[in-house]
C-alpha atoms as a PDB file:
ATOM      1  CA  MET A   1    -105.824  71.704 -44.889  1.00  0.00           C
ATOM      2  CA  HIS A   2    -103.959  74.899 -43.738  1.00  0.00           C
ATOM      3  CA  GLU A   3    -104.474  76.319 -47.276  1.00  0.00           C
ATOM      4  CA  TYR A   4    -108.251  75.602 -46.998  1.00  0.00           C
ATOM      5  CA  CYS A   5    -108.421  77.517 -43.684  1.00  0.00           C
ATOM      6  CA  ILE A   6    -106.559  80.628 -44.997  1.00  0.00           C
ATOM      7  CA  ASN A   7    -108.589  80.388 -48.262  1.00  0.00           C
ATOM      8  CA  THR A   8    -105.686  79.959 -50.752  1.00  0.00           C
ATOM      9  CA  LEU A   9    -107.056  76.858 -52.607  1.00  0.00           C
ATOM     10  CA  SER A  10    -108.559  76.897 -56.012  1.00  0.00           C
ATOM     11  CA  ALA A  11    -112.439  76.346 -56.101  1.00  0.00           C
ATOM     12  CA  GLY A  12    -111.828  72.800 -57.278  1.00  0.00           C
ATOM     13  CA  GLU A  13    -109.381  72.024 -54.562  1.00  0.00           C
ATOM     14  CA  ARG A  14    -111.794  73.597 -51.934  1.00  0.00           C
ATOM     15  CA  THR A  15    -114.461  71.458 -53.293  1.00  0.00           C
ATOM     16  CA  GLU A  16    -112.272  68.331 -52.953  1.00  0.00           C
ATOM     17  CA  VAL A  17    -111.480  69.123 -49.234  1.00  0.00           C
ATOM     18  CA  GLU A  18    -115.306  69.618 -48.662  1.00  0.00           C
ATOM     19  CA  ARG A  19    -115.935  66.251 -50.257  1.00  0.00           C
ATOM     20  CA  VAL A  20    -113.280  64.551 -48.148  1.00  0.00           C
ATOM     21  CA  CYS A  21    -114.729  66.206 -44.963  1.00  0.00           C
ATOM     22  CA  ALA A  22    -118.141  64.859 -45.805  1.00  0.00           C
ATOM     23  CA  GLN A  23    -116.983  61.275 -46.216  1.00  0.00           C
ATOM     24  CA  TYR A  24    -114.609  61.247 -43.198  1.00  0.00           C
ATOM     25  CA  PRO A  25    -115.798  62.838 -40.096  1.00  0.00           C
ATOM     26  CA  GLN A  26    -112.340  62.635 -38.366  1.00  0.00           C
ATOM     27  CA  VAL A  27    -110.881  64.847 -41.169  1.00  0.00           C
ATOM     28  CA  LYS A  28    -113.821  67.310 -40.796  1.00  0.00           C
ATOM     29  CA  SER A  29    -113.159  67.360 -36.952  1.00  0.00           C
ATOM     30  CA  GLU A  30    -109.405  68.089 -37.517  1.00  0.00           C
ATOM     31  CA  LEU A  31    -110.222  70.939 -40.047  1.00  0.00           C
ATOM     32  CA  LEU A  32    -112.623  72.601 -37.611  1.00  0.00           C
ATOM     33  CA  GLN A  33    -109.838  72.349 -34.802  1.00  0.00           C
ATOM     34  CA  MET A  34    -107.333  73.898 -37.199  1.00  0.00           C
ATOM     35  CA  GLN A  35    -109.766  76.800 -37.978  1.00  0.00           C
ATOM     36  CA  ARG A  36    -110.469  77.473 -34.329  1.00  0.00           C
ATOM     37  CA  ALA A  37    -106.745  77.579 -33.571  1.00  0.00           C
ATOM     38  CA  LEU A  38    -106.166  80.015 -36.459  1.00  0.00           C
ATOM     39  CA  GLU A  39    -109.059  82.224 -35.102  1.00  0.00           C
ATOM     40  CA  LYS A  40    -107.585  82.211 -31.510  1.00  0.00           C
ATOM     41  CA  PHE A  41    -104.226  83.202 -32.944  1.00  0.00           C
ATOM     42  CA  ALA A  42    -105.661  85.973 -34.960  1.00  0.00           C
ATOM     43  CA  GLU A  43    -107.456  87.297 -31.963  1.00  0.00           C
ATOM     44  CA  SER A  44    -104.362  87.176 -29.813  1.00  0.00           C
ATOM     45  CA  VAL A  45    -102.084  89.058 -32.036  1.00  0.00           C
ATOM     46  CA  GLY A  46    -104.732  91.246 -33.663  1.00  0.00           C
ATOM     47  CA  ARG A  47    -104.559  94.980 -32.854  1.00  0.00           C
ATOM     48  CA  LYS A  48    -107.347  97.560 -33.215  1.00  0.00           C
ATOM     49  CA  PRO A  49    -106.334 100.535 -35.186  1.00  0.00           C
ATOM     50  CA  ALA A  50    -105.583 103.888 -33.439  1.00  0.00           C
ATOM     51  CA  ALA A  51    -108.602 106.224 -33.241  1.00  0.00           C
ATOM     52  CA  GLU A  52    -107.261 108.585 -35.915  1.00  0.00           C
ATOM     53  CA  VAL A  53    -106.651 105.754 -38.380  1.00  0.00           C
ATOM     54  CA  GLN A  54    -110.312 104.450 -37.715  1.00  0.00           C
ATOM     55  CA  GLN A  55    -111.597 107.952 -38.498  1.00  0.00           C
ATOM     56  CA  THR A  56    -109.601 108.296 -41.486  1.00  0.00           C
ATOM     57  CA  ILE A  57    -110.839 104.958 -42.953  1.00  0.00           C
ATOM     58  CA  TRP A  58    -114.454 105.695 -42.095  1.00  0.00           C
ATOM     59  CA  GLY A  59    -114.094 109.072 -43.498  1.00  0.00           C
ATOM     60  CA  THR A  60    -112.752 107.691 -46.868  1.00  0.00           C
ATOM     61  CA  LEU A  61    -115.472 105.150 -47.038  1.00  0.00           C
ATOM     62  CA  GLU A  62    -118.083 107.894 -46.382  1.00  0.00           C
ATOM     63  CA  ASN A  63    -116.495 109.995 -49.059  1.00  0.00           C
ATOM     64  CA  ILE A  64    -116.607 107.103 -51.610  1.00  0.00           C
ATOM     65  CA  ASN A  65    -120.298 106.403 -50.848  1.00  0.00           C
ATOM     66  CA  LYS A  66    -121.230 110.039 -51.142  1.00  0.00           C
ATOM     67  CA  GLU A  67    -119.245 110.251 -54.535  1.00  0.00           C
ATOM     68  CA  LYS A  68    -121.207 107.258 -55.752  1.00  0.00           C
ATOM     69  CA  ALA A  69    -124.591 108.741 -54.475  1.00  0.00           C
ATOM     70  CA  GLY A  70    -123.963 111.933 -56.579  1.00  0.00           C
ATOM     71  CA  ASP A  71    -125.999 114.276 -54.537  1.00  0.00           C
ATOM     72  CA  LEU A  72    -124.973 117.968 -55.293  1.00  0.00           C
ATOM     73  CA  SER A  73    -126.483 118.867 -51.907  1.00  0.00           C
ATOM     74  CA  ASP A  74    -124.098 116.419 -50.055  1.00  0.00           C
ATOM     75  CA  LEU A  75    -120.648 116.427 -51.580  1.00  0.00           C
ATOM     76  CA  PRO A  76    -117.733 114.559 -50.491  1.00  0.00           C
ATOM     77  CA  LEU A  77    -114.382 116.059 -49.963  1.00  0.00           C
ATOM     78  CA  LEU A  78    -111.855 115.596 -52.802  1.00  0.00           C
ATOM     79  CA  ASN A  79    -109.039 113.385 -52.058  1.00  0.00           C
ATOM     80  CA  LYS A  80    -106.505 111.175 -53.933  1.00  0.00           C
ATOM     81  CA  TYR A  81    -109.130 108.511 -54.035  1.00  0.00           C
ATOM     82  CA  SER A  82    -111.597 110.704 -55.808  1.00  0.00           C
ATOM     83  CA  ASP A  83    -113.083 109.275 -58.959  1.00  0.00           C
ATOM     84  CA  HIS A  84    -113.485 111.905 -61.770  1.00  0.00           C
ATOM     85  CA  ASN A  85    -116.167 109.759 -63.501  1.00  0.00           C
ATOM     86  CA  ASN A  86    -118.370 110.003 -60.351  1.00  0.00           C
ATOM     87  CA  TRP A  87    -117.657 113.694 -60.284  1.00  0.00           C
ATOM     88  CA  LYS A  88    -118.445 114.057 -63.940  1.00  0.00           C
ATOM     89  CA  HIS A  89    -121.794 112.555 -63.034  1.00  0.00           C
ATOM     90  CA  ILE A  90    -122.280 114.646 -60.133  1.00  0.00           C
ATOM     91  CA  VAL A  91    -121.912 118.005 -62.010  1.00  0.00           C
ATOM     92  CA  LYS A  92    -123.323 116.905 -65.419  1.00  0.00           C
ATOM     93  CA  SER A  93    -126.357 119.081 -64.810  1.00  0.00           C
ATOM     94  CA  LEU A  94    -124.202 122.095 -64.409  1.00  0.00           C
ATOM     95  CA  MET A  95    -122.237 121.580 -67.626  1.00  0.00           C
ATOM     96  CA  PRO A  96    -122.961 124.153 -70.316  1.00  0.00           C
ATOM     97  CA  SER A  97    -123.800 123.015 -73.840  1.00  0.00           C
ATOM     98  CA  ARG A  98    -121.170 125.122 -75.166  1.00  0.00           C
ATOM     99  CA  ILE A  99    -117.714 125.578 -73.534  1.00  0.00           C
ATOM    100  CA  PRO A 100    -117.220 129.345 -72.905  1.00  0.00           C
ATOM    101  CA  ASP A 101    -114.465 131.347 -74.359  1.00  0.00           C
ATOM    102  CA  GLU A 102    -112.856 132.232 -71.120  1.00  0.00           C
ATOM    103  CA  ARG A 103    -113.349 130.841 -67.587  1.00  0.00           C
ATOM    104  CA  ILE A 104    -116.698 130.073 -65.864  1.00  0.00           C
ATOM    105  CA  VAL A 105    -117.148 129.145 -62.139  1.00  0.00           C
ATOM    106  CA  PHE A 106    -120.035 127.222 -60.668  1.00  0.00           C
ATOM    107  CA  PRO A 107    -120.078 127.161 -56.709  1.00  0.00           C
ATOM    108  CA  LEU A 108    -120.772 123.771 -55.609  1.00  0.00           C
ATOM    109  CA  ARG A 109    -120.289 124.108 -51.830  1.00  0.00           C
ATOM    110  CA  ASP A 110    -119.450 126.675 -49.287  1.00  0.00           C
ATOM    111  CA  ALA A 111    -119.830 125.438 -45.641  1.00  0.00           C
ATOM    112  CA  ASN A 112    -118.107 124.502 -42.639  1.00  0.00           C
ATOM    113  CA  GLY A 113    -114.753 125.705 -43.884  1.00  0.00           C
ATOM    114  CA  VAL A 114    -114.968 123.903 -47.336  1.00  0.00           C
ATOM    115  CA  MET A 115    -115.450 125.597 -50.645  1.00  0.00           C
ATOM    116  CA  GLN A 116    -115.645 123.560 -53.862  1.00  0.00           C
ATOM    117  CA  LEU A 117    -116.091 125.010 -57.254  1.00  0.00           C
ATOM    118  CA  LEU A 118    -116.687 123.617 -60.730  1.00  0.00           C
ATOM    119  CA  ILE A 119    -114.155 125.424 -63.036  1.00  0.00           C
ATOM    120  CA  ILE A 120    -114.486 125.332 -66.938  1.00  0.00           C
ATOM    121  CA  SER A 121    -111.551 127.170 -68.221  1.00  0.00           C
ATOM    122  CA  ARG A 122    -109.740 127.883 -71.501  1.00  0.00           C
ATOM    123  CA  THR A 123    -107.419 130.433 -69.659  1.00  0.00           C
ATOM    124  CA  ASP A 124    -104.548 129.824 -67.451  1.00  0.00           C
ATOM    125  CA  VAL A 125    -104.830 130.385 -63.673  1.00  0.00           C
ATOM    126  CA  GLU A 126    -102.378 133.050 -62.444  1.00  0.00           C
ATOM    127  CA  GLU A 127     -99.821 132.648 -59.935  1.00  0.00           C
ATOM    128  CA  GLU A 128    -101.121 132.463 -56.272  1.00  0.00           C
ATOM    129  CA  VAL A 129    -100.208 131.327 -52.849  1.00  0.00           C
ATOM    130  CA  HIS A 130    -102.380 130.110 -50.013  1.00  0.00           C
ATOM    131  CA  GLU A 131    -101.632 130.834 -46.331  1.00  0.00           C
ATOM    132  CA  HIS A 132    -104.827 129.728 -44.516  1.00  0.00           C
ATOM    133  CA  GLU A 133    -106.470 127.037 -46.767  1.00  0.00           C
ATOM    134  CA  ARG A 134    -105.506 123.777 -48.344  1.00  0.00           C
ATOM    135  CA  GLU A 135    -106.148 123.820 -52.052  1.00  0.00           C
ATOM    136  CA  SER A 136    -106.642 120.743 -54.257  1.00  0.00           C
ATOM    137  CA  PHE A 137    -108.291 119.871 -57.488  1.00  0.00           C
ATOM    138  CA  LEU A 138    -109.535 116.910 -59.622  1.00  0.00           C
ATOM    139  CA  ILE A 139    -109.437 117.166 -63.433  1.00  0.00           C
ATOM    140  CA  LEU A 140    -112.479 115.940 -65.040  1.00  0.00           C
ATOM    141  CA  GLU A 141    -111.764 116.851 -68.569  1.00  0.00           C
ATOM    142  CA  GLY A 142    -108.720 118.221 -70.505  1.00  0.00           C
ATOM    143  CA  GLU A 143    -105.181 118.613 -69.557  1.00  0.00           C
ATOM    144  CA  CYS A 144    -103.170 121.087 -67.565  1.00  0.00           C
ATOM    145  CA  GLU A 145     -99.689 121.651 -66.166  1.00  0.00           C
ATOM    146  CA  CYS A 146     -99.512 122.901 -62.660  1.00  0.00           C
ATOM    147  CA  HIS A 147     -96.261 124.642 -61.581  1.00  0.00           C
ATOM    148  CA  ILE A 148     -95.542 124.560 -57.782  1.00  0.00           C
ATOM    149  CA  GLY A 149     -92.309 126.121 -56.855  1.00  0.00           C
ATOM    150  CA  ASP A 150     -89.757 124.538 -59.303  1.00  0.00           C
ATOM    151  CA  ASP A 151     -91.886 121.447 -59.795  1.00  0.00           C
ATOM    152  CA  THR A 152     -94.306 120.729 -62.585  1.00  0.00           C
ATOM    153  CA  TRP A 153     -97.123 118.178 -62.781  1.00  0.00           C
ATOM    154  CA  ARG A 154     -98.939 117.357 -65.843  1.00  0.00           C
ATOM    155  CA  LEU A 155    -102.602 116.315 -65.132  1.00  0.00           C
ATOM    156  CA  GLY A 156    -105.255 114.882 -67.346  1.00  0.00           C
ATOM    157  CA  PRO A 157    -108.640 113.337 -66.635  1.00  0.00           C
ATOM    158  CA  GLY A 158    -108.695 111.718 -63.042  1.00  0.00           C
ATOM    159  CA  GLY A 159    -105.451 113.852 -62.062  1.00  0.00           C
ATOM    160  CA  PHE A 160    -105.537 114.950 -58.479  1.00  0.00           C
ATOM    161  CA  LEU A 161    -103.250 117.359 -56.756  1.00  0.00           C
ATOM    162  CA  GLU A 162    -102.848 118.911 -53.290  1.00  0.00           C
ATOM    163  CA  ILE A 163    -101.205 122.266 -53.332  1.00  0.00           C
ATOM    164  CA  PRO A 164     -98.847 122.755 -50.261  1.00  0.00           C
ATOM    165  CA  LEU A 165     -99.374 125.743 -48.116  1.00  0.00           C
ATOM    166  CA  HIS A 166     -97.088 128.784 -48.507  1.00  0.00           C
ATOM    167  CA  LYS A 167     -96.062 127.695 -52.122  1.00  0.00           C
ATOM    168  CA  ASN A 168     -96.358 129.783 -55.202  1.00  0.00           C
ATOM    169  CA  HIS A 169     -98.351 127.858 -57.922  1.00  0.00           C
ATOM    170  CA  ASN A 170     -99.987 128.386 -61.183  1.00  0.00           C
ATOM    171  CA  VAL A 171    -102.020 126.362 -63.751  1.00  0.00           C
ATOM    172  CA  LYS A 172    -101.398 126.394 -67.488  1.00  0.00           C
ATOM    173  CA  VAL A 173    -104.246 125.018 -69.674  1.00  0.00           C
ATOM    174  CA  ILE A 174    -102.603 122.766 -72.364  1.00  0.00           C
ATOM    175  CA  SER A 175    -105.692 121.352 -74.001  1.00  0.00           C
ATOM    176  CA  PRO A 176    -108.451 123.402 -75.574  1.00  0.00           C
ATOM    177  CA  TYR A 177    -110.170 123.626 -72.174  1.00  0.00           C
ATOM    178  CA  VAL A 178    -110.078 122.036 -68.683  1.00  0.00           C
ATOM    179  CA  VAL A 179    -112.977 121.058 -66.467  1.00  0.00           C
ATOM    180  CA  ALA A 180    -112.044 120.710 -62.804  1.00  0.00           C
ATOM    181  CA  VAL A 181    -113.460 120.659 -59.346  1.00  0.00           C
ATOM    182  CA  LEU A 182    -111.585 123.016 -57.041  1.00  0.00           C
ATOM    183  CA  GLN A 183    -111.548 122.574 -53.399  1.00  0.00           C
ATOM    184  CA  HIS A 184    -110.407 124.966 -50.652  1.00  0.00           C
ATOM    185  CA  VAL A 185    -110.397 123.801 -46.921  1.00  0.00           C
ATOM    186  CA  ALA A 186    -109.771 126.304 -44.223  1.00  0.00           C
ATOM    187  CA  ILE A 187    -107.100 125.423 -41.754  1.00  0.00           C
END
């Protein structure tokens, strides 16, 4: 019965418990008492998450919903949970019919300390360092290597990377071209 209450039985086993409860009222009464006791226990030991944890959870869920909505006028922030396929859909209308020979940049958002750009490039990104903004990017197509200090990350479609503040970094394109969303957030 305990397994029924915590939902670890198979569908067939659950059906059998429900059949027995329908046939024997005492068993059903015992099961209901057990469920109430488990609910009371959960309430007594349960804790509400800290406000900042709640804010992070709600922010992440809002980002996921914005990503799925795919509205260029209401873009989510990039994060490690960003889905490159959703972003490909979001920027589809901006994609050129032919990939340029160098690099093109489409501004997506520049408000409230957040700048997002769609980058399509056959060329490397020169070494740089950021002092007052957090940089991150999400690869939509192609492959690249990002060098941060002495570390190297190879990224393909779906690859996401946050660049630490005050660290020299550059990006080498290792496929014919790369399509990425670049994000700068002021601190």
